[in-house]
Amino acid sequence: MFIVTAEQMRAVDEHTIHQLGIPAASLMENAGRAIAEEVIKLCREGQAEGRLAESGQLGYSSKTDARRAHTGPGDRQGYGGDIIADPALVMERPGDQQWYMLIGKGNNGGDGLVAARHLLEAGLGVTLVYADAPEALRGEAAVQRDAAAQLGIPALVHGREAVDFSRCTGIVDALLGTGSRGAPRGAYAALIEAANGSGKPVVSADVPSGLDADTGEVYEPCIQARVTVCLALLKRGLVQYPGASAAGRIVVRAIGIPARLAPEHGPSVRLLTDEVLRVALRVDTGRLRAPDGHKGTYGHVLLAAGSLPMSGAGLLSAKAALRAGCGLATWALPAALLPYVIGTVPELMLAAAADGDSGEWNAASAGVVLRLVESRDVLATGPGLGRFKGDTDWLRRLWQQTDRPLVIDADALNMLADAGPHGPCDWGQRSAATILTPHPGEMGRLLGTSTQEVQRDRIGHAAKYAREQGVTLVLKGARTVIATPSGEAYINTTGHAGMATGGAGDVLTGIIAGLLAQGLSAEQAAAFGVYLHGQAAERAALLRGDPSSLLAGDIIDAL
């Protein structure tokens, strides 16, 4: 599923109308009908917290017979004479349903006006609430305004008539669309605040009014929707927090705009699903093994990680690499730690990479790591590494002097950040895959900005950095972003809030390294690794019975 910016959506919309010749009126009609159908579904589900209808007063039959009529008694179904109503826009007992349609002056308002017509036909009570004078509507929205007036749909104008939200059972938000920027003002702000304060369920058309369609930033005020009916293509702001929280349940509905046009009008961003992994990225999500394969077939990972106070980070990464399916894994660590970790994972090989009794790394250990990686397939570094004198030069040597795929996480990212915002470019383009896995704080340090600024537009910041620095970047967090040097990006959907626990990121580093060792490209390993990481966390939480009880080691066991 493609995810678009407001500008991409505008370009795709224009192409559909002017190049393909599909009338704007047809698109608006389809959009309004889709919104109406989702309103009716919400009514049927009874998700109105007791306000949609009292128990037993509003019923909707799921039986086909309730929508079927015959021309006479004794007719045999399927042999002529059947009349079947469209189930999407039929409500058998609408009861006292009364929906307020909040109408803005743009095309979003036009979509709401079409929805009002369809809801009226379905038997619901509908009242239009205009934010501006109806005369302010133009183009197709004005056509729909006139049609609604001809049908006699009751209308109120904010500021002219009082709007009593206690009289409605639900609200459709068609105030502001994807072209809106900044905080709503005037009548728009007043209607948003009144809708939120009413306690009634809100269905938003395309995006909740007050939400930035590109970044997910939530302005004040912003509609808090029960359902958002996203039209044609998923908008970036709906898959990023806090926007995702304001959107409620997101339903993407086709309206006649071909989704395949999206990549022609900007970088491709997709929702990461099993289908995208299999079809677009050509990943064997079943992780099938060759019947004649052996440990050498599936690659050898070298982990340079862990220090005395954080030895568990290296252990988690190394174990996760093995669970991800690599044939062999070696954990390089300070010599003083070796006696304490021998046998903790019997399948794991150990190598002393730093001398001394401190249990810490030193600048001279870069040479040891470079010698070790010559006989391995992938190098991953950072988890639990700690900071030490000369560490940025230590990382630069690994960057420049190995031709193996490299995964950089945790403390190694902070070393990279110390090289400046153009560190990767200054160090030179690597011939092998390079994957960075920052959390938002680390991403802020890489960019030389704040965590808050990173979170304001996760997709934009990740995509820009990956493209400019020539790396594959995994920006961790809710809805992890995977961005590639080509400008493409993927938004992960697996996982849950229980993954906010120490060590979960170290596990992800190991998974990605393990997949790289098996021959996956940087793009494939990063995307599939993130997806598997979230899936395993979901399984682990089910076994535990509560996501808050999740430990990083549980994710490894569920791989």
Protein backbone atom coordinates (compact mmCIF):
# COMPACT_ATOMS: atom_id res chain seq x y z
CA MET A 1 0.00 0.00 0.00
CA PHE A 2 1.48 3.33 -1.10
CA ILE A 3 1.71 6.26 1.32
CA VAL A 4 1.71 9.77 -0.13
CA THR A 5 2.30 13.38 0.78
CA ALA A 6 -0.35 16.02 0.18
CA GLU A 7 1.58 17.25 -2.86
CA GLN A 8 1.81 13.74 -4.32
CA MET A 9 -1.90 13.26 -3.76
CA ARG A 10 -2.64 16.54 -5.52
CA ALA A 11 -0.46 15.53 -8.48
CA VAL A 12 -2.05 12.08 -8.73
CA ASP A 13 -5.50 13.65 -8.51
CA GLU A 14 -4.67 16.12 -11.29
CA HIS A 15 -3.24 13.33 -13.47
CA THR A 16 -6.38 11.25 -13.01
CA ILE A 17 -8.65 14.14 -13.99
CA HIS A 18 -6.67 15.78 -16.79
CA GLN A 19 -4.64 12.90 -18.25
CA LEU A 20 -6.93 9.91 -17.71
CA GLY A 21 -10.08 11.93 -18.24
CA ILE A 22 -11.94 10.76 -15.15
CA PRO A 23 -14.19 13.67 -14.10
CA ALA A 24 -13.61 15.35 -10.77
CA ALA A 25 -17.34 14.99 -10.11
CA SER A 26 -17.03 11.21 -10.36
CA LEU A 27 -14.15 11.14 -7.86
CA MET A 28 -16.10 13.32 -5.44
CA GLU A 29 -19.18 11.13 -5.78
CA ASN A 30 -17.12 8.02 -5.05
CA ALA A 31 -15.45 9.70 -2.09
CA GLY A 32 -18.73 10.81 -0.54
CA ARG A 33 -20.28 7.40 -1.00
CA ALA A 34 -17.27 5.75 0.68
CA ILE A 35 -17.60 8.08 3.67
CA ALA A 36 -21.32 7.32 3.96
CA GLU A 37 -20.68 3.59 3.84
CA GLU A 38 -18.21 3.82 6.69
CA VAL A 39 -20.67 5.86 8.75
CA ILE A 40 -23.26 3.15 8.26
CA LYS A 41 -20.74 0.46 9.22
CA LEU A 42 -20.00 2.35 12.40
CA CYS A 43 -23.69 2.52 13.19
CA ARG A 44 -24.05 -1.21 12.58
CA GLU A 45 -21.16 -2.01 14.86
CA GLY A 46 -22.84 -0.06 17.62
CA GLN A 47 -19.60 1.83 18.43
CA ALA A 48 -21.27 4.91 19.79
CA GLU A 49 -20.82 4.25 23.53
CA GLY A 50 -24.56 4.06 24.10
CA ARG A 51 -25.40 7.20 22.13
CA LEU A 52 -26.03 5.70 18.70
CA ALA A 53 -29.04 3.75 19.94
CA GLU A 54 -30.48 2.01 22.97
CA SER A 55 -30.17 -1.73 22.99
CA GLY A 56 -32.94 -3.29 20.95
CA GLN A 57 -33.93 -0.03 19.25
CA LEU A 58 -31.38 -0.17 16.44
CA GLY A 59 -30.87 -3.50 14.74
CA TYR A 60 -29.19 -4.51 11.52
CA SER A 61 -29.62 -7.96 10.10
CA SER A 62 -26.61 -9.70 8.63
CA LYS A 63 -28.84 -12.08 6.68
CA THR A 64 -29.03 -11.70 2.93
CA ASP A 65 -32.80 -12.33 3.04
CA ALA A 66 -33.33 -9.01 4.82
CA ARG A 67 -32.21 -7.23 1.66
CA ARG A 68 -33.97 -9.53 -0.78
CA ALA A 69 -37.46 -9.19 -2.21
CA HIS A 70 -39.39 -11.42 -4.65
CA THR A 71 -42.00 -10.60 -7.28
CA GLY A 72 -44.49 -13.07 -5.86
CA PRO A 73 -45.00 -15.89 -3.40
CA GLY A 74 -43.24 -19.14 -4.21
CA ASP A 75 -40.46 -17.61 -6.27
CA ARG A 76 -37.31 -19.71 -6.16
CA GLN A 77 -34.29 -17.66 -5.23
CA GLY A 78 -31.65 -17.46 -7.94
CA TYR A 79 -34.13 -18.20 -10.75
CA GLY A 80 -35.30 -14.71 -11.59
CA GLY A 81 -37.38 -12.20 -9.75
CA ASP A 82 -34.75 -11.41 -7.11
CA ILE A 83 -34.26 -7.79 -6.17
CA ILE A 84 -31.19 -7.26 -4.02
CA ALA A 85 -30.47 -3.91 -2.42
CA ASP A 86 -26.92 -2.58 -2.11
CA PRO A 87 -26.04 -3.67 1.46
CA ALA A 88 -23.50 -0.88 1.92
CA LEU A 89 -26.16 1.84 1.97
CA VAL A 90 -29.09 0.08 3.57
CA MET A 91 -30.13 0.53 7.18
CA GLU A 92 -33.18 -1.51 7.97
CA ARG A 93 -34.11 0.29 11.23
CA PRO A 94 -32.33 3.63 11.31
CA GLY A 95 -34.19 4.64 14.43
CA ASP A 96 -33.48 8.18 15.58
CA GLN A 97 -30.07 8.52 13.99
CA GLN A 98 -29.13 12.15 13.45
CA TRP A 99 -25.73 13.00 11.97
CA TYR A 100 -24.22 16.46 11.76
CA MET A 101 -22.07 17.00 8.67
CA LEU A 102 -19.37 19.63 9.31
CA ILE A 103 -18.73 21.20 5.90
CA GLY A 104 -15.69 23.27 4.91
CA LYS A 105 -15.47 25.36 1.78
CA GLY A 106 -13.02 23.12 -0.13
CA ASN A 107 -13.31 19.77 -1.88
CA ASN A 108 -13.26 18.04 1.50
CA GLY A 109 -16.55 19.80 2.19
CA GLY A 110 -17.84 18.63 -1.19
CA ASP A 111 -17.09 15.02 -0.19
CA GLY A 112 -19.08 15.59 2.99
CA LEU A 113 -22.04 16.95 1.03
CA VAL A 114 -22.11 13.84 -1.18
CA ALA A 115 -21.95 11.68 1.95
CA ALA A 116 -24.92 13.60 3.35
CA ARG A 117 -27.03 12.72 0.30
CA HIS A 118 -26.21 9.02 0.62
CA LEU A 119 -26.88 8.96 4.34
CA LEU A 120 -30.23 10.63 3.73
CA GLU A 121 -31.10 7.96 1.17
CA ALA A 122 -30.11 5.28 3.69
CA GLY A 123 -32.68 6.67 6.12
CA LEU A 124 -30.52 8.63 8.54
CA GLY A 125 -31.33 12.10 9.71
CA VAL A 126 -28.73 14.54 8.35
CA THR A 127 -28.03 18.20 9.09
CA LEU A 128 -25.38 20.24 7.29
CA VAL A 129 -23.27 22.56 9.41
CA TYR A 130 -21.31 25.01 7.24
CA ALA A 131 -18.14 26.58 8.65
CA ASP A 132 -18.36 29.36 6.05
CA ALA A 133 -21.27 30.85 4.21
CA PRO A 134 -22.47 28.28 1.64
CA GLU A 135 -21.89 30.86 -1.08
CA ALA A 136 -18.13 30.53 -0.43
CA LEU A 137 -18.05 27.03 -1.93
CA ARG A 138 -16.67 26.77 -5.47
CA GLY A 139 -16.39 24.22 -8.25
CA GLU A 140 -17.61 20.69 -7.60
CA ALA A 141 -18.26 21.50 -3.94
CA ALA A 142 -20.72 24.23 -5.03
CA VAL A 143 -22.50 21.74 -7.28
CA GLN A 144 -22.95 19.40 -4.33
CA ARG A 145 -24.13 22.29 -2.14
CA ASP A 146 -26.88 23.04 -4.65
CA ALA A 147 -27.89 19.38 -4.91
CA ALA A 148 -28.19 19.14 -1.13
CA ALA A 149 -30.33 22.28 -1.08
CA GLN A 150 -32.62 20.88 -3.78
CA LEU A 151 -33.10 17.77 -1.67
CA GLY A 152 -34.10 19.92 1.25
CA ILE A 153 -31.32 18.76 3.57
CA PRO A 154 -31.44 21.00 6.66
CA ALA A 155 -28.48 23.37 6.89
CA LEU A 156 -26.98 25.58 9.58
CA VAL A 157 -24.20 28.12 9.22
CA HIS A 158 -21.77 28.64 12.08
CA GLY A 159 -22.23 32.12 13.45
CA ARG A 160 -25.70 32.54 11.97
CA GLU A 161 -27.58 29.77 13.75
CA ALA A 162 -26.89 27.96 17.01
CA VAL A 163 -25.51 24.45 16.61
CA ASP A 164 -26.56 22.12 19.42
CA PHE A 165 -24.32 19.04 19.29
CA SER A 166 -26.34 17.34 22.02
CA ARG A 167 -29.03 16.70 19.40
CA CYS A 168 -26.89 14.54 17.13
CA THR A 169 -25.80 10.94 17.48
CA GLY A 170 -22.68 11.24 15.32
CA ILE A 171 -20.57 13.73 13.39
CA VAL A 172 -18.90 13.67 9.98
CA ASP A 173 -15.82 15.91 9.83
CA ALA A 174 -15.44 17.32 6.31
CA LEU A 175 -13.92 20.64 7.31
CA LEU A 176 -10.25 20.61 6.27
CA GLY A 177 -8.46 18.36 3.79
CA THR A 178 -4.87 17.48 2.94
CA GLY A 179 -4.08 21.00 1.69
CA SER A 180 -4.63 22.57 5.10
CA ARG A 181 -1.58 23.79 7.03
CA GLY A 182 -1.25 25.16 10.52
CA ALA A 183 -3.70 25.41 13.38
CA PRO A 184 -7.38 25.78 12.46
CA ARG A 185 -8.84 29.21 13.20
CA GLY A 186 -12.19 30.93 13.52
CA ALA A 187 -15.27 28.89 12.77
CA TYR A 188 -13.17 25.83 11.93
CA ALA A 189 -11.48 25.84 15.34
CA ALA A 190 -14.80 26.43 17.09
CA LEU A 191 -16.52 23.53 15.31
CA ILE A 192 -13.59 21.18 15.99
CA GLU A 193 -13.64 22.02 19.68
CA ALA A 194 -17.41 21.58 19.85
CA ALA A 195 -17.25 18.22 18.05
CA ASN A 196 -14.54 16.91 20.37
CA GLY A 197 -16.38 18.19 23.41
CA SER A 198 -19.66 16.60 22.38
CA GLY A 199 -18.52 13.08 23.16
CA LYS A 200 -20.16 11.89 19.94
CA PRO A 201 -18.34 9.57 17.49
CA VAL A 202 -16.62 11.45 14.66
CA VAL A 203 -15.93 10.09 11.18
CA SER A 204 -13.31 12.18 9.37
CA ALA A 205 -13.14 12.58 5.61
CA ASP A 206 -9.60 11.79 4.39
CA VAL A 207 -7.73 13.26 7.40
CA PRO A 208 -8.95 14.61 10.74
CA SER A 209 -9.23 18.40 10.56
CA GLY A 210 -6.27 19.94 12.35
CA LEU A 211 -3.85 17.12 11.48
CA ASP A 212 -0.88 17.74 9.18
CA ALA A 213 -1.33 15.25 6.34
CA ASP A 214 2.42 14.99 5.74
CA THR A 215 4.03 14.90 9.17
CA GLY A 216 1.33 13.65 11.52
CA GLU A 217 1.67 16.79 13.62
CA VAL A 218 -1.50 17.50 15.58
CA TYR A 219 -2.39 21.16 15.81
CA GLU A 220 -4.60 22.73 18.43
CA PRO A 221 -7.45 22.06 18.02
CA CYS A 222 -7.58 18.80 16.07
CA ILE A 223 -10.47 16.42 15.55
CA GLN A 224 -10.22 13.22 17.57
CA ALA A 225 -11.81 10.79 15.13
CA ARG A 226 -13.34 7.41 15.83
CA VAL A 227 -12.85 6.50 12.16
CA THR A 228 -10.90 8.21 9.38
CA VAL A 229 -11.97 7.36 5.84
CA CYS A 230 -8.74 7.90 3.91
CA LEU A 231 -9.55 8.48 0.26
CA ALA A 232 -7.64 6.84 -2.62
CA LEU A 233 -4.16 6.65 -1.03
CA LEU A 234 -2.92 6.50 2.55
CA LYS A 235 -1.54 9.83 3.77
CA ARG A 236 1.79 10.05 5.59
CA GLY A 237 0.39 11.91 8.55
CA LEU A 238 -2.00 9.07 9.37
CA VAL A 239 0.76 6.51 9.92
CA GLN A 240 2.95 8.72 12.14
CA TYR A 241 2.29 9.60 15.74
CA PRO A 242 0.68 11.62 17.18
CA GLY A 243 -1.45 11.82 14.02
CA ALA A 244 -2.20 8.11 14.13
CA SER A 245 -3.78 8.56 17.57
CA ALA A 246 -6.06 11.36 16.35
CA ALA A 247 -7.17 9.33 13.32
CA GLY A 248 -8.71 6.40 15.19
CA ARG A 249 -9.45 3.46 12.93
CA ILE A 250 -8.15 4.21 9.44
CA VAL A 251 -10.04 2.80 6.47
CA VAL A 252 -8.49 3.37 3.03
CA ARG A 253 -11.16 3.45 0.33
CA ALA A 254 -10.67 3.43 -3.44
CA ILE A 255 -12.45 6.23 -5.31
CA GLY A 256 -11.27 5.63 -8.88
CA ILE A 257 -7.71 6.98 -8.69
CA PRO A 258 -5.17 4.30 -9.74
CA ALA A 259 -2.78 3.61 -6.86
CA ARG A 260 0.02 2.74 -9.29
CA LEU A 261 0.30 6.42 -10.23
CA ALA A 262 1.73 7.30 -6.80
CA PRO A 263 5.41 6.43 -7.47
CA GLU A 264 5.33 8.48 -10.69
CA HIS A 265 4.81 11.64 -8.66
CA GLY A 266 7.43 11.31 -5.93
CA PRO A 267 9.53 8.86 -3.89
CA SER A 268 7.84 5.57 -3.13
CA VAL A 269 6.75 5.09 0.48
CA ARG A 270 4.85 1.92 1.35
CA LEU A 271 3.17 0.36 4.31
CA LEU A 272 5.30 -2.68 5.16
CA THR A 273 3.19 -5.80 4.92
CA ASP A 274 3.84 -9.45 4.18
CA GLU A 275 2.73 -8.84 0.60
CA VAL A 276 5.11 -5.90 0.14
CA LEU A 277 7.96 -8.01 1.50
CA ARG A 278 7.19 -10.89 -0.85
CA VAL A 279 6.22 -9.02 -4.01
CA ALA A 280 7.96 -5.64 -3.93
CA LEU A 281 11.10 -6.63 -2.00
CA ARG A 282 11.21 -10.27 -3.15
CA VAL A 283 11.86 -11.61 0.34
CA ASP A 284 11.22 -15.26 1.18
CA THR A 285 9.12 -14.52 4.26
CA GLY A 286 8.87 -18.26 4.98
CA ARG A 287 12.66 -18.36 5.48
CA LEU A 288 12.88 -21.70 3.69
CA ARG A 289 16.18 -23.60 3.93
CA ALA A 290 17.95 -25.48 1.17
CA PRO A 291 17.77 -29.24 1.84
CA ASP A 292 21.50 -29.58 1.17
CA GLY A 293 22.49 -26.40 3.03
CA HIS A 294 25.03 -26.26 5.85
CA LYS A 295 26.17 -23.68 8.39
CA GLY A 296 28.41 -22.02 5.83
CA THR A 297 25.44 -21.57 3.52
CA TYR A 298 23.80 -19.13 5.89
CA GLY A 299 26.73 -16.87 6.68
CA HIS A 300 28.84 -15.82 9.64
CA VAL A 301 28.12 -12.69 11.72
CA LEU A 302 30.74 -10.85 13.74
CA LEU A 303 29.39 -8.75 16.66
CA ALA A 304 31.72 -6.13 18.13
CA ALA A 305 29.67 -5.23 21.18
CA GLY A 306 29.33 -5.21 24.93
CA SER A 307 31.38 -3.81 27.78
CA LEU A 308 31.58 -4.48 31.50
CA PRO A 309 28.46 -2.54 32.54
CA MET A 310 26.50 -3.51 29.40
CA SER A 311 27.59 -7.02 28.48
CA GLY A 312 23.98 -8.15 28.09
CA ALA A 313 23.52 -5.93 25.04
CA GLY A 314 26.17 -7.82 23.10
CA LEU A 315 24.76 -11.16 24.23
CA LEU A 316 21.24 -10.24 23.09
CA SER A 317 22.48 -9.13 19.66
CA ALA A 318 24.57 -12.24 19.13
CA LYS A 319 21.80 -14.62 20.17
CA ALA A 320 19.28 -12.77 17.97
CA ALA A 321 21.59 -13.13 14.96
CA LEU A 322 21.60 -16.89 15.45
CA ARG A 323 17.82 -17.00 15.91
CA ALA A 324 17.43 -14.98 12.70
CA GLY A 325 19.00 -17.91 10.88
CA CYS A 326 22.67 -17.17 10.27
CA GLY A 327 24.87 -20.25 10.29
CA LEU A 328 27.54 -18.93 12.66
CA ALA A 329 28.06 -15.98 14.98
CA THR A 330 31.17 -14.69 16.73
CA TRP A 331 30.97 -12.18 19.56
CA ALA A 332 34.06 -9.98 19.82
CA LEU A 333 34.35 -8.36 23.27
CA PRO A 334 36.90 -7.10 25.77
CA ALA A 335 39.10 -9.90 27.10
CA ALA A 336 38.17 -9.22 30.73
CA LEU A 337 34.55 -10.18 30.01
CA LEU A 338 35.28 -13.55 28.45
CA PRO A 339 35.28 -15.64 31.66
CA TYR A 340 31.86 -14.30 32.60
CA VAL A 341 30.05 -15.12 29.35
CA ILE A 342 31.58 -18.46 28.36
CA GLY A 343 28.79 -20.98 27.86
CA THR A 344 25.91 -18.54 28.24
CA VAL A 345 25.02 -19.30 24.63
CA PRO A 346 26.85 -22.52 23.75
CA GLU A 347 26.26 -22.03 20.03
CA LEU A 348 28.09 -18.69 20.05
CA MET A 349 31.82 -18.28 19.41
CA LEU A 350 33.78 -15.72 21.42
CA ALA A 351 36.81 -13.63 20.53
CA ALA A 352 38.88 -11.28 22.73
CA ALA A 353 39.19 -7.99 20.90
CA ALA A 354 40.49 -5.56 23.55
CA ASP A 355 43.29 -6.09 26.07
CA GLY A 356 43.42 -5.00 29.70
CA ASP A 357 41.41 -5.65 32.83
CA SER A 358 38.95 -2.79 32.49
CA GLY A 359 36.33 -4.66 30.48
CA GLU A 360 36.21 -1.73 28.08
CA TRP A 361 37.11 -1.21 24.46
CA ASN A 362 40.07 0.85 23.28
CA ALA A 363 41.14 2.50 20.03
CA ALA A 364 43.75 -0.19 19.27
CA SER A 365 41.07 -2.89 19.12
CA ALA A 366 39.97 -1.72 15.67
CA GLY A 367 42.82 -3.71 14.16
CA VAL A 368 41.65 -6.87 15.93
CA VAL A 369 38.09 -6.42 14.70
CA LEU A 370 39.31 -5.83 11.14
CA ARG A 371 41.33 -9.06 11.23
CA LEU A 372 38.37 -11.01 12.61
CA VAL A 373 35.92 -9.71 10.02
CA GLU A 374 38.14 -10.87 7.14
CA SER A 375 36.79 -14.40 7.67
CA ARG A 376 33.22 -13.34 8.45
CA ASP A 377 30.39 -12.12 6.23
CA VAL A 378 28.85 -9.27 8.24
CA LEU A 379 29.99 -6.87 10.96
CA ALA A 380 27.58 -5.38 13.48
CA THR A 381 28.68 -3.00 16.22
CA GLY A 382 27.38 -0.65 18.86
CA PRO A 383 25.17 -2.47 21.39
CA GLY A 384 26.66 -2.01 24.86
CA LEU A 385 29.94 -0.83 23.33
CA GLY A 386 30.36 2.18 25.61
CA ARG A 387 32.41 5.27 24.78
CA PHE A 388 36.20 5.39 24.96
CA LYS A 389 39.10 7.61 23.94
CA GLY A 390 39.51 7.66 20.16
CA ASP A 391 36.23 5.81 19.55
CA THR A 392 35.13 7.91 16.56
CA ASP A 393 38.42 7.15 14.77
CA TRP A 394 37.93 3.51 15.80
CA LEU A 395 34.58 3.44 13.99
CA ARG A 396 35.97 5.32 10.99
CA ARG A 397 38.60 2.60 10.51
CA LEU A 398 35.90 -0.07 10.48
CA TRP A 399 33.85 2.03 8.06
CA GLN A 400 36.70 2.57 5.63
CA GLN A 401 38.74 -0.62 5.89
CA THR A 402 36.23 -3.43 5.66
CA ASP A 403 34.29 -4.44 2.58
CA ARG A 404 31.72 -6.39 4.58
CA PRO A 405 28.14 -5.25 5.22
CA LEU A 406 28.06 -3.11 8.35
CA VAL A 407 25.26 -2.59 10.89
CA ILE A 408 25.74 0.37 13.25
CA ASP A 409 23.65 0.83 16.41
CA ALA A 410 23.64 2.42 19.87
CA ASP A 411 27.02 3.79 21.04
CA ALA A 412 28.50 3.41 17.57
CA LEU A 413 25.82 5.79 16.28
CA ASN A 414 26.90 8.36 18.86
CA MET A 415 30.48 7.95 17.65
CA LEU A 416 29.25 8.58 14.13
CA ALA A 417 27.32 11.63 15.30
CA ASP A 418 30.56 13.06 16.75
CA ALA A 419 31.99 13.04 13.21
CA GLY A 420 29.43 15.72 12.34
CA PRO A 421 26.17 15.81 10.34
CA HIS A 422 28.05 14.79 7.16
CA GLY A 423 30.15 12.07 8.79
CA PRO A 424 29.24 9.21 6.44
CA CYS A 425 29.84 11.39 3.38
CA ASP A 426 33.14 12.65 4.76
CA TRP A 427 34.29 9.11 5.45
CA GLY A 428 33.52 8.03 1.88
CA GLN A 429 30.97 5.78 0.22
CA ARG A 430 31.26 2.16 1.31
CA SER A 431 31.19 -0.57 -1.32
CA ALA A 432 29.12 -2.86 0.90
CA ALA A 433 25.74 -2.37 2.56
CA THR A 434 25.60 0.00 5.51
CA ILE A 435 22.61 0.00 7.87
CA LEU A 436 22.11 2.48 10.71
CA THR A 437 19.48 1.72 13.37
CA PRO A 438 18.93 4.85 15.51
CA HIS A 439 16.16 5.56 17.95
CA PRO A 440 14.80 9.15 17.78
CA GLY A 441 17.35 10.53 20.25
CA GLU A 442 20.26 9.04 18.30
CA MET A 443 18.70 10.26 15.06
CA GLY A 444 18.58 13.76 16.51
CA ARG A 445 22.29 13.58 17.33
CA LEU A 446 23.10 12.37 13.81
CA LEU A 447 21.16 15.30 12.37
CA GLY A 448 22.34 17.82 14.94
CA THR A 449 18.78 18.57 16.01
CA SER A 450 16.34 17.69 18.79
CA THR A 451 14.42 14.49 19.36
CA GLN A 452 11.22 16.52 19.12
CA GLU A 453 12.16 17.75 15.66
CA VAL A 454 12.87 14.18 14.51
CA GLN A 455 9.50 13.02 15.82
CA ARG A 456 7.75 15.90 14.08
CA ASP A 457 8.41 14.26 10.69
CA ARG A 458 9.93 10.82 11.09
CA ILE A 459 9.48 9.78 7.47
CA GLY A 460 10.87 13.00 6.06
CA HIS A 461 13.97 13.07 8.27
CA ALA A 462 14.77 9.38 7.77
CA ALA A 463 14.32 9.50 3.99
CA LYS A 464 16.42 12.66 3.62
CA TYR A 465 19.31 11.32 5.72
CA ALA A 466 19.38 7.94 3.98
CA ARG A 467 19.37 9.55 0.55
CA GLU A 468 22.03 12.16 1.33
CA GLN A 469 24.38 9.85 3.25
CA GLY A 470 23.96 6.80 1.02
CA VAL A 471 22.91 4.45 3.83
CA THR A 472 19.91 2.34 4.72
CA LEU A 473 18.38 3.82 7.83
CA VAL A 474 16.04 2.21 10.37
CA LEU A 475 14.42 4.90 12.52
CA LYS A 476 13.07 2.91 15.43
CA GLY A 477 9.97 3.64 17.45
CA ALA A 478 6.22 3.36 16.97
CA ARG A 479 5.77 2.74 13.22
CA THR A 480 9.47 2.19 12.52
CA VAL A 481 10.66 3.82 9.29
CA ILE A 482 13.01 1.99 6.93
CA ALA A 483 14.58 4.41 4.43
CA THR A 484 16.91 3.56 1.54
CA PRO A 485 19.58 5.48 -0.38
CA SER A 486 17.29 5.54 -3.43
CA GLY A 487 14.69 7.57 -1.54
CA GLU A 488 12.22 4.74 -1.00
CA ALA A 489 10.82 4.10 2.46
CA TYR A 490 8.69 1.55 4.29
CA ILE A 491 6.55 2.02 7.39
CA ASN A 492 6.34 -1.01 9.65
CA THR A 493 3.03 -2.16 11.08
CA THR A 494 4.08 -5.01 13.40
CA GLY A 495 4.87 -4.77 17.09
CA HIS A 496 3.34 -3.01 20.09
CA ALA A 497 4.09 -0.63 22.95
CA GLY A 498 5.45 -3.47 25.11
CA MET A 499 8.61 -3.36 22.99
CA ALA A 500 9.60 -0.16 24.82
CA THR A 501 12.00 -2.12 27.01
CA GLY A 502 15.78 -2.21 27.38
CA GLY A 503 17.54 -4.47 24.91
CA ALA A 504 14.82 -4.61 22.26
CA GLY A 505 16.94 -2.51 19.91
CA ASP A 506 19.97 -4.77 20.48
CA VAL A 507 17.83 -7.71 19.41
CA LEU A 508 16.87 -5.89 16.20
CA THR A 509 20.55 -5.26 15.39
CA GLY A 510 21.25 -8.96 15.68
CA ILE A 511 18.27 -9.93 13.54
CA ILE A 512 19.27 -7.56 10.74
CA ALA A 513 22.89 -8.75 10.85
CA GLY A 514 21.74 -12.37 10.75
CA LEU A 515 19.63 -11.72 7.66
CA LEU A 516 22.46 -9.85 5.92
CA ALA A 517 24.71 -12.87 6.51
CA GLN A 518 22.20 -15.02 4.63
CA GLY A 519 22.58 -12.91 1.51
CA LEU A 520 19.73 -10.43 1.82
CA SER A 521 20.35 -6.91 0.55
CA ALA A 522 20.45 -3.98 2.95
CA GLU A 523 16.91 -2.97 1.98
CA GLN A 524 15.59 -6.52 2.36
CA ALA A 525 17.38 -7.23 5.64
CA ALA A 526 16.35 -3.95 7.24
CA ALA A 527 12.70 -4.20 6.23
CA PHE A 528 12.31 -7.91 6.93
CA GLY A 529 14.28 -7.62 10.16
CA VAL A 530 12.01 -4.89 11.50
CA TYR A 531 8.92 -6.83 10.44
CA LEU A 532 10.13 -10.07 12.09
CA HIS A 533 11.15 -8.19 15.23
CA GLY A 534 7.63 -6.82 15.65
CA GLN A 535 5.98 -10.12 14.80
CA ALA A 536 8.06 -11.97 17.36
CA ALA A 537 7.18 -9.36 19.99
CA GLU A 538 3.49 -9.88 19.24
CA ARG A 539 3.83 -13.65 19.73
CA ALA A 540 5.85 -13.17 22.89
CA ALA A 541 3.27 -10.81 24.38
CA LEU A 542 0.50 -13.33 23.71
CA LEU A 543 2.49 -16.00 25.55
CA ARG A 544 3.09 -13.64 28.45
CA GLY A 545 -0.50 -12.47 28.50
CA ASP A 546 0.47 -8.80 28.87
CA PRO A 547 2.69 -6.67 26.59
CA SER A 548 4.05 -4.74 29.57
CA SER A 549 5.69 -7.94 30.85
CA LEU A 550 7.79 -8.33 27.71
CA LEU A 551 11.58 -8.63 27.99
CA ALA A 552 13.99 -8.33 25.08
CA GLY A 553 14.97 -11.97 25.50
CA ASP A 554 11.33 -12.98 25.02
CA ILE A 555 11.45 -11.49 21.50
CA ILE A 556 14.45 -13.70 20.64
CA ASP A 557 12.69 -16.81 21.94
CA ALA A 558 9.64 -16.02 19.78
CA LEU A 559 11.57 -15.63 16.52
